[in-house]
Amino acid sequence: MAYADALEPLADRNVTALGPTGSADQIARRMLVAINARARQLVAVSSLAHAAVSIRAAIACGDAPEDLARPPARG
């Protein structure tokens, strides 16, 4: 529920931006496309957050080197 609560303000802006005009089929299609894009974005952000927590935990336990969390050196 925390995800849903945090995203509710964004959902309102997104729905408004889609413009609820046109036929029911047009509105439904725009909503489905937007929902699919948002779902893919949320999966990517969640995956990144979980990876970051895993890396930090591995470093804290001594199972990974501390420099693993640093950005790569510029070439």
PDB file of N, CA and C in Angstrom:
ATOM      1  N   MET A   1       0.811  -1.194   0.000  1.00  0.00           N
ATOM      2  CA  MET A   1       0.000   0.000   0.000  1.00  0.00           C
ATOM      3  C   MET A   1       0.855   1.258   0.000  1.00  0.00           C
ATOM      4  N   ALA A   2       2.071   1.164   0.523  1.00  0.00           N
ATOM      5  CA  ALA A   2       2.932   2.352   0.544  1.00  0.00           C
ATOM      6  C   ALA A   2       3.231   2.831  -0.866  1.00  0.00           C
ATOM      7  N   TYR A   3       3.465   1.870  -1.803  1.00  0.00           N
ATOM      8  CA  TYR A   3       3.688   2.251  -3.198  1.00  0.00           C
ATOM      9  C   TYR A   3       2.470   2.983  -3.748  1.00  0.00           C
ATOM     10  N   ALA A   4       1.302   2.428  -3.520  1.00  0.00           N
ATOM     11  CA  ALA A   4       0.072   3.029  -4.040  1.00  0.00           C
ATOM     12  C   ALA A   4      -0.137   4.421  -3.458  1.00  0.00           C
ATOM     13  N   ASP A   5       0.062   4.561  -2.163  1.00  0.00           N
ATOM     14  CA  ASP A   5      -0.108   5.868  -1.531  1.00  0.00           C
ATOM     15  C   ASP A   5       0.891   6.885  -2.083  1.00  0.00           C
ATOM     16  N   ALA A   6       2.128   6.446  -2.280  1.00  0.00           N
ATOM     17  CA  ALA A   6       3.158   7.357  -2.779  1.00  0.00           C
ATOM     18  C   ALA A   6       2.901   7.781  -4.223  1.00  0.00           C
ATOM     19  N   LEU A   7       2.296   6.912  -5.005  1.00  0.00           N
ATOM     20  CA  LEU A   7       2.096   7.199  -6.429  1.00  0.00           C
ATOM     21  C   LEU A   7       0.771   7.870  -6.754  1.00  0.00           C
ATOM     22  N   GLU A   8      -0.123   7.951  -5.789  1.00  0.00           N
ATOM     23  CA  GLU A   8      -1.441   8.533  -6.072  1.00  0.00           C
ATOM     24  C   GLU A   8      -1.359   9.954  -6.629  1.00  0.00           C
ATOM     25  N   PRO A   9      -0.514  10.847  -6.083  1.00  0.00           N
ATOM     26  CA  PRO A   9      -0.436  12.193  -6.675  1.00  0.00           C
ATOM     27  C   PRO A   9       0.035  12.159  -8.128  1.00  0.00           C
ATOM     28  N   LEU A  10       0.937  11.250  -8.444  1.00  0.00           N
ATOM     29  CA  LEU A  10       1.400  11.130  -9.832  1.00  0.00           C
ATOM     30  C   LEU A  10       0.298  10.608 -10.734  1.00  0.00           C
ATOM     31  N   ALA A  11      -0.479   9.671 -10.239  1.00  0.00           N
ATOM     32  CA  ALA A  11      -1.558   9.095 -11.038  1.00  0.00           C
ATOM     33  C   ALA A  11      -2.564  10.166 -11.436  1.00  0.00           C
ATOM     34  N   ASP A  12      -2.877  11.068 -10.533  1.00  0.00           N
ATOM     35  CA  ASP A  12      -3.825  12.141 -10.841  1.00  0.00           C
ATOM     36  C   ASP A  12      -3.307  13.008 -11.982  1.00  0.00           C
ATOM     37  N   ARG A  13      -2.031  13.385 -11.906  1.00  0.00           N
ATOM     38  CA  ARG A  13      -1.445  14.201 -12.984  1.00  0.00           C
ATOM     39  C   ARG A  13      -1.402  13.430 -14.296  1.00  0.00           C
ATOM     40  N   ASN A  14      -1.078  12.136 -14.231  1.00  0.00           N
ATOM     41  CA  ASN A  14      -1.002  11.334 -15.449  1.00  0.00           C
ATOM     42  C   ASN A  14      -2.354  11.207 -16.125  1.00  0.00           C
ATOM     43  N   VAL A  15      -3.394  10.950 -15.346  1.00  0.00           N
ATOM     44  CA  VAL A  15      -4.734  10.812 -15.914  1.00  0.00           C
ATOM     45  C   VAL A  15      -5.176  12.135 -16.536  1.00  0.00           C
ATOM     46  N   THR A  16      -4.900  13.237 -15.848  1.00  0.00           N
ATOM     47  CA  THR A  16      -5.252  14.550 -16.383  1.00  0.00           C
ATOM     48  C   THR A  16      -4.504  14.805 -17.694  1.00  0.00           C
ATOM     49  N   ALA A  17      -3.219  14.433 -17.752  1.00  0.00           N
ATOM     50  CA  ALA A  17      -2.413  14.646 -18.953  1.00  0.00           C
ATOM     51  C   ALA A  17      -2.911  13.819 -20.135  1.00  0.00           C
ATOM     52  N   LEU A  18      -3.493  12.644 -19.859  1.00  0.00           N
ATOM     53  CA  LEU A  18      -3.998  11.803 -20.943  1.00  0.00           C
ATOM     54  C   LEU A  18      -5.225  12.416 -21.608  1.00  0.00           C
ATOM     55  N   GLY A  19      -5.900  13.277 -20.898  1.00  0.00           N
ATOM     56  CA  GLY A  19      -7.071  13.931 -21.457  1.00  0.00           C
ATOM     57  C   GLY A  19      -8.225  12.967 -21.654  1.00  0.00           C
ATOM     58  N   PRO A  20      -9.140  12.907 -20.710  1.00  0.00           N
ATOM     59  CA  PRO A  20     -10.255  11.963 -20.821  1.00  0.00           C
ATOM     60  C   PRO A  20     -11.298  12.432 -21.844  1.00  0.00           C
ATOM     61  N   THR A  21     -10.860  12.552 -23.083  1.00  0.00           N
ATOM     62  CA  THR A  21     -11.773  12.944 -24.156  1.00  0.00           C
ATOM     63  C   THR A  21     -11.726  11.892 -25.256  1.00  0.00           C
ATOM     64  N   GLY A  22     -12.732  11.880 -26.092  1.00  0.00           N
ATOM     65  CA  GLY A  22     -12.804  10.918 -27.183  1.00  0.00           C
ATOM     66  C   GLY A  22     -13.764   9.799 -26.840  1.00  0.00           C
ATOM     67  N   SER A  23     -13.773   8.797 -27.700  1.00  0.00           N
ATOM     68  CA  SER A  23     -14.675   7.671 -27.484  1.00  0.00           C
ATOM     69  C   SER A  23     -14.186   6.832 -26.316  1.00  0.00           C
ATOM     70  N   ALA A  24     -15.059   5.992 -25.821  1.00  0.00           N
ATOM     71  CA  ALA A  24     -14.674   5.096 -24.717  1.00  0.00           C
ATOM     72  C   ALA A  24     -13.503   4.213 -25.134  1.00  0.00           C
ATOM     73  N   ASP A  25     -13.486   3.761 -26.378  1.00  0.00           N
ATOM     74  CA  ASP A  25     -12.383   2.921 -26.866  1.00  0.00           C
ATOM     75  C   ASP A  25     -11.070   3.697 -26.886  1.00  0.00           C
ATOM     76  N   GLN A  26     -11.108   4.954 -27.309  1.00  0.00           N
ATOM     77  CA  GLN A  26      -9.889   5.763 -27.345  1.00  0.00           C
ATOM     78  C   GLN A  26      -9.341   6.009 -25.940  1.00  0.00           C
ATOM     79  N   ILE A  27     -10.239   6.326 -25.022  1.00  0.00           N
ATOM     80  CA  ILE A  27      -9.818   6.564 -23.637  1.00  0.00           C
ATOM     81  C   ILE A  27      -9.235   5.287 -23.045  1.00  0.00           C
ATOM     82  N   ALA A  28      -9.904   4.164 -23.248  1.00  0.00           N
ATOM     83  CA  ALA A  28      -9.424   2.886 -22.709  1.00  0.00           C
ATOM     84  C   ALA A  28      -8.054   2.534 -23.283  1.00  0.00           C
ATOM     85  N   ARG A  29      -7.874   2.738 -24.575  1.00  0.00           N
ATOM     86  CA  ARG A  29      -6.582   2.418 -25.199  1.00  0.00           C
ATOM     87  C   ARG A  29      -5.469   3.286 -24.617  1.00  0.00           C
ATOM     88  N   ARG A  30      -5.712   4.595 -24.505  1.00  0.00           N
ATOM     89  CA  ARG A  30      -4.689   5.482 -23.932  1.00  0.00           C
ATOM     90  C   ARG A  30      -4.354   5.086 -22.502  1.00  0.00           C
ATOM     91  N   MET A  31      -5.370   4.740 -21.736  1.00  0.00           N
ATOM     92  CA  MET A  31      -5.126   4.331 -20.345  1.00  0.00           C
ATOM     93  C   MET A  31      -4.317   3.032 -20.278  1.00  0.00           C
ATOM     94  N   LEU A  32      -4.652   2.063 -21.124  1.00  0.00           N
ATOM     95  CA  LEU A  32      -3.926   0.793 -21.111  1.00  0.00           C
ATOM     96  C   LEU A  32      -2.470   0.979 -21.517  1.00  0.00           C
ATOM     97  N   VAL A  33      -2.221   1.803 -22.522  1.00  0.00           N
ATOM     98  CA  VAL A  33      -0.845   2.071 -22.943  1.00  0.00           C
ATOM     99  C   VAL A  33      -0.077   2.754 -21.811  1.00  0.00           C
ATOM    100  N   ALA A  34      -0.709   3.734 -21.173  1.00  0.00           N
ATOM    101  CA  ALA A  34      -0.052   4.459 -20.085  1.00  0.00           C
ATOM    102  C   ALA A  34       0.191   3.553 -18.878  1.00  0.00           C
ATOM    103  N   ILE A  35      -0.773   2.723 -18.545  1.00  0.00           N
ATOM    104  CA  ILE A  35      -0.625   1.807 -17.403  1.00  0.00           C
ATOM    105  C   ILE A  35       0.508   0.824 -17.666  1.00  0.00           C
ATOM    106  N   ASN A  36       0.597   0.315 -18.883  1.00  0.00           N
ATOM    107  CA  ASN A  36       1.668  -0.618 -19.232  1.00  0.00           C
ATOM    108  C   ASN A  36       3.025   0.059 -19.104  1.00  0.00           C
ATOM    109  N   ALA A  37       3.150   1.276 -19.614  1.00  0.00           N
ATOM    110  CA  ALA A  37       4.422   1.999 -19.521  1.00  0.00           C
ATOM    111  C   ALA A  37       4.783   2.269 -18.066  1.00  0.00           C
ATOM    112  N   ARG A  38       3.814   2.668 -17.268  1.00  0.00           N
ATOM    113  CA  ARG A  38       4.072   2.959 -15.862  1.00  0.00           C
ATOM    114  C   ARG A  38       4.473   1.688 -15.118  1.00  0.00           C
ATOM    115  N   ALA A  39       3.829   0.573 -15.422  1.00  0.00           N
ATOM    116  CA  ALA A  39       4.169  -0.694 -14.767  1.00  0.00           C
ATOM    117  C   ALA A  39       5.607  -1.086 -15.075  1.00  0.00           C
ATOM    118  N   ARG A  40       6.017  -0.928 -16.323  1.00  0.00           N
ATOM    119  CA  ARG A  40       7.404  -1.262 -16.690  1.00  0.00           C
ATOM    120  C   ARG A  40       8.390  -0.347 -15.984  1.00  0.00           C
ATOM    121  N   GLN A  41       8.035   0.928 -15.857  1.00  0.00           N
ATOM    122  CA  GLN A  41       8.896   1.870 -15.155  1.00  0.00           C
ATOM    123  C   GLN A  41       9.011   1.498 -13.675  1.00  0.00           C
ATOM    124  N   LEU A  42       7.896   1.145 -13.052  1.00  0.00           N
ATOM    125  CA  LEU A  42       7.929   0.781 -11.635  1.00  0.00           C
ATOM    126  C   LEU A  42       8.751  -0.480 -11.389  1.00  0.00           C
ATOM    127  N   VAL A  43       8.651  -1.447 -12.275  1.00  0.00           N
ATOM    128  CA  VAL A  43       9.456  -2.664 -12.135  1.00  0.00           C
ATOM    129  C   VAL A  43      10.942  -2.313 -12.230  1.00  0.00           C
ATOM    130  N   ALA A  44      11.300  -1.448 -13.170  1.00  0.00           N
ATOM    131  CA  ALA A  44      12.701  -1.070 -13.324  1.00  0.00           C
ATOM    132  C   ALA A  44      13.215  -0.325 -12.094  1.00  0.00           C
ATOM    133  N   VAL A  45      12.441   0.622 -11.582  1.00  0.00           N
ATOM    134  CA  VAL A  45      12.865   1.385 -10.402  1.00  0.00           C
ATOM    135  C   VAL A  45      12.945   0.482  -9.179  1.00  0.00           C
ATOM    136  N   SER A  46      11.977  -0.410  -9.019  1.00  0.00           N
ATOM    137  CA  SER A  46      11.999  -1.339  -7.893  1.00  0.00           C
ATOM    138  C   SER A  46      13.207  -2.266  -7.984  1.00  0.00           C
ATOM    139  N   SER A  47      13.507  -2.747  -9.173  1.00  0.00           N
ATOM    140  CA  SER A  47      14.675  -3.618  -9.363  1.00  0.00           C
ATOM    141  C   SER A  47      15.960  -2.887  -9.004  1.00  0.00           C
ATOM    142  N   LEU A  48      16.066  -1.639  -9.422  1.00  0.00           N
ATOM    143  CA  LEU A  48      17.252  -0.847  -9.110  1.00  0.00           C
ATOM    144  C   LEU A  48      17.390  -0.646  -7.603  1.00  0.00           C
ATOM    145  N   ALA A  49      16.287  -0.331  -6.935  1.00  0.00           N
ATOM    146  CA  ALA A  49      16.324  -0.126  -5.486  1.00  0.00           C
ATOM    147  C   ALA A  49      16.717  -1.410  -4.761  1.00  0.00           C
ATOM    148  N   HIS A  50      16.155  -2.543  -5.171  1.00  0.00           N
ATOM    149  CA  HIS A  50      16.501  -3.816  -4.529  1.00  0.00           C
ATOM    150  C   HIS A  50      17.959  -4.182  -4.782  1.00  0.00           C
ATOM    151  N   ALA A  51      18.456  -3.913  -5.971  1.00  0.00           N
ATOM    152  CA  ALA A  51      19.866  -4.190  -6.264  1.00  0.00           C
ATOM    153  C   ALA A  51      20.775  -3.334  -5.396  1.00  0.00           C
ATOM    154  N   ALA A  52      20.415  -2.065  -5.226  1.00  0.00           N
ATOM    155  CA  ALA A  52      21.229  -1.172  -4.397  1.00  0.00           C
ATOM    156  C   ALA A  52      21.270  -1.654  -2.951  1.00  0.00           C
ATOM    157  N   VAL A  53      20.124  -2.074  -2.424  1.00  0.00           N
ATOM    158  CA  VAL A  53      20.082  -2.576  -1.048  1.00  0.00           C
ATOM    159  C   VAL A  53      20.914  -3.855  -0.927  1.00  0.00           C
ATOM    160  N   SER A  54      20.835  -4.727  -1.915  1.00  0.00           N
ATOM    161  CA  SER A  54      21.619  -5.974  -1.885  1.00  0.00           C
ATOM    162  C   SER A  54      23.110  -5.688  -1.911  1.00  0.00           C
ATOM    163  N   ILE A  55      23.518  -4.744  -2.739  1.00  0.00           N
ATOM    164  CA  ILE A  55      24.936  -4.394  -2.823  1.00  0.00           C
ATOM    165  C   ILE A  55      25.413  -3.802  -1.503  1.00  0.00           C
ATOM    166  N   ARG A  56      24.631  -2.890  -0.934  1.00  0.00           N
ATOM    167  CA  ARG A  56      25.010  -2.299   0.355  1.00  0.00           C
ATOM    168  C   ARG A  56      25.107  -3.367   1.451  1.00  0.00           C
ATOM    169  N   ALA A  57      24.177  -4.320   1.446  1.00  0.00           N
ATOM    170  CA  ALA A  57      24.201  -5.390   2.449  1.00  0.00           C
ATOM    171  C   ALA A  57      25.432  -6.271   2.263  1.00  0.00           C
ATOM    172  N   ALA A  58      25.768  -6.576   1.013  1.00  0.00           N
ATOM    173  CA  ALA A  58      26.952  -7.409   0.754  1.00  0.00           C
ATOM    174  C   ALA A  58      28.225  -6.693   1.186  1.00  0.00           C
ATOM    175  N   ILE A  59      28.285  -5.384   0.956  1.00  0.00           N
ATOM    176  CA  ILE A  59      29.455  -4.616   1.393  1.00  0.00           C
ATOM    177  C   ILE A  59      29.522  -4.593   2.918  1.00  0.00           C
ATOM    178  N   ALA A  60      28.389  -4.368   3.570  1.00  0.00           N
ATOM    179  CA  ALA A  60      28.348  -4.307   5.037  1.00  0.00           C
ATOM    180  C   ALA A  60      28.764  -5.630   5.674  1.00  0.00           C
ATOM    181  N   CYS A  61      28.442  -6.742   5.022  1.00  0.00           N
ATOM    182  CA  CYS A  61      28.804  -8.070   5.553  1.00  0.00           C
ATOM    183  C   CYS A  61      30.219  -8.471   5.183  1.00  0.00           C
ATOM    184  N   GLY A  62      30.873  -7.677   4.364  1.00  0.00           N
ATOM    185  CA  GLY A  62      32.220  -8.017   3.925  1.00  0.00           C
ATOM    186  C   GLY A  62      32.254  -9.017   2.783  1.00  0.00           C
ATOM    187  N   ASP A  63      31.100  -9.269   2.154  1.00  0.00           N
ATOM    188  CA  ASP A  63      31.038 -10.215   1.043  1.00  0.00           C
ATOM    189  C   ASP A  63      31.336  -9.566  -0.310  1.00  0.00           C
ATOM    190  N   ALA A  64      31.460  -8.250  -0.326  1.00  0.00           N
ATOM    191  CA  ALA A  64      31.750  -7.526  -1.564  1.00  0.00           C
ATOM    192  C   ALA A  64      32.673  -6.364  -1.225  1.00  0.00           C
ATOM    193  N   PRO A  65      33.540  -5.981  -2.164  1.00  0.00           N
ATOM    194  CA  PRO A  65      34.450  -4.863  -1.892  1.00  0.00           C
ATOM    195  C   PRO A  65      33.684  -3.539  -1.835  1.00  0.00           C
ATOM    196  N   GLU A  66      34.190  -2.607  -1.013  1.00  0.00           N
ATOM    197  CA  GLU A  66      33.516  -1.320  -0.859  1.00  0.00           C
ATOM    198  C   GLU A  66      33.439  -0.537  -2.160  1.00  0.00           C
ATOM    199  N   ASP A  67      34.425  -0.706  -3.023  1.00  0.00           N
ATOM    200  CA  ASP A  67      34.411   0.071  -4.268  1.00  0.00           C
ATOM    201  C   ASP A  67      33.372  -0.440  -5.272  1.00  0.00           C
ATOM    202  N   LEU A  68      32.682  -1.514  -4.949  1.00  0.00           N
ATOM    203  CA  LEU A  68      31.632  -2.028  -5.828  1.00  0.00           C
ATOM    204  C   LEU A  68      30.508  -1.006  -6.004  1.00  0.00           C
ATOM    205  N   ALA A  69      30.266  -0.211  -4.980  1.00  0.00           N
ATOM    206  CA  ALA A  69      29.173   0.766  -5.022  1.00  0.00           C
ATOM    207  C   ALA A  69      29.585   2.090  -5.641  1.00  0.00           C
ATOM    208  N   ARG A  70      30.861   2.230  -5.973  1.00  0.00           N
ATOM    209  CA  ARG A  70      31.330   3.493  -6.568  1.00  0.00           C
ATOM    210  C   ARG A  70      31.092   3.460  -8.081  1.00  0.00           C
ATOM    211  N   PRO A  71      30.839   4.635  -8.653  1.00  0.00           N
ATOM    212  CA  PRO A  71      30.700   4.686 -10.103  1.00  0.00           C
ATOM    213  C   PRO A  71      32.025   4.340 -10.778  1.00  0.00           C
ATOM    214  N   PRO A  72      31.983   3.812 -11.990  1.00  0.00           N
ATOM    215  CA  PRO A  72      33.234   3.486 -12.680  1.00  0.00           C
ATOM    216  C   PRO A  72      34.038   4.751 -12.967  1.00  0.00           C
ATOM    217  N   ALA A  73      35.355   4.588 -13.014  1.00  0.00           N
ATOM    218  CA  ALA A  73      36.227   5.718 -13.320  1.00  0.00           C
ATOM    219  C   ALA A  73      35.999   6.184 -14.754  1.00  0.00           C
ATOM    220  N   ARG A  74      36.072   7.482 -14.936  1.00  0.00           N
ATOM    221  CA  ARG A  74      35.896   8.020 -16.290  1.00  0.00           C
ATOM    222  C   ARG A  74      37.143   7.732 -17.101  1.00  0.00           C
ATOM    223  N   GLY A  75      36.900   7.321 -18.341  1.00  0.00           N
ATOM    224  CA  GLY A  75      37.965   6.867 -19.189  1.00  0.00           C
ATOM    225  C   GLY A  75      38.774   7.899 -19.806  1.00  0.00           C
TER     226      GLY A  75
END
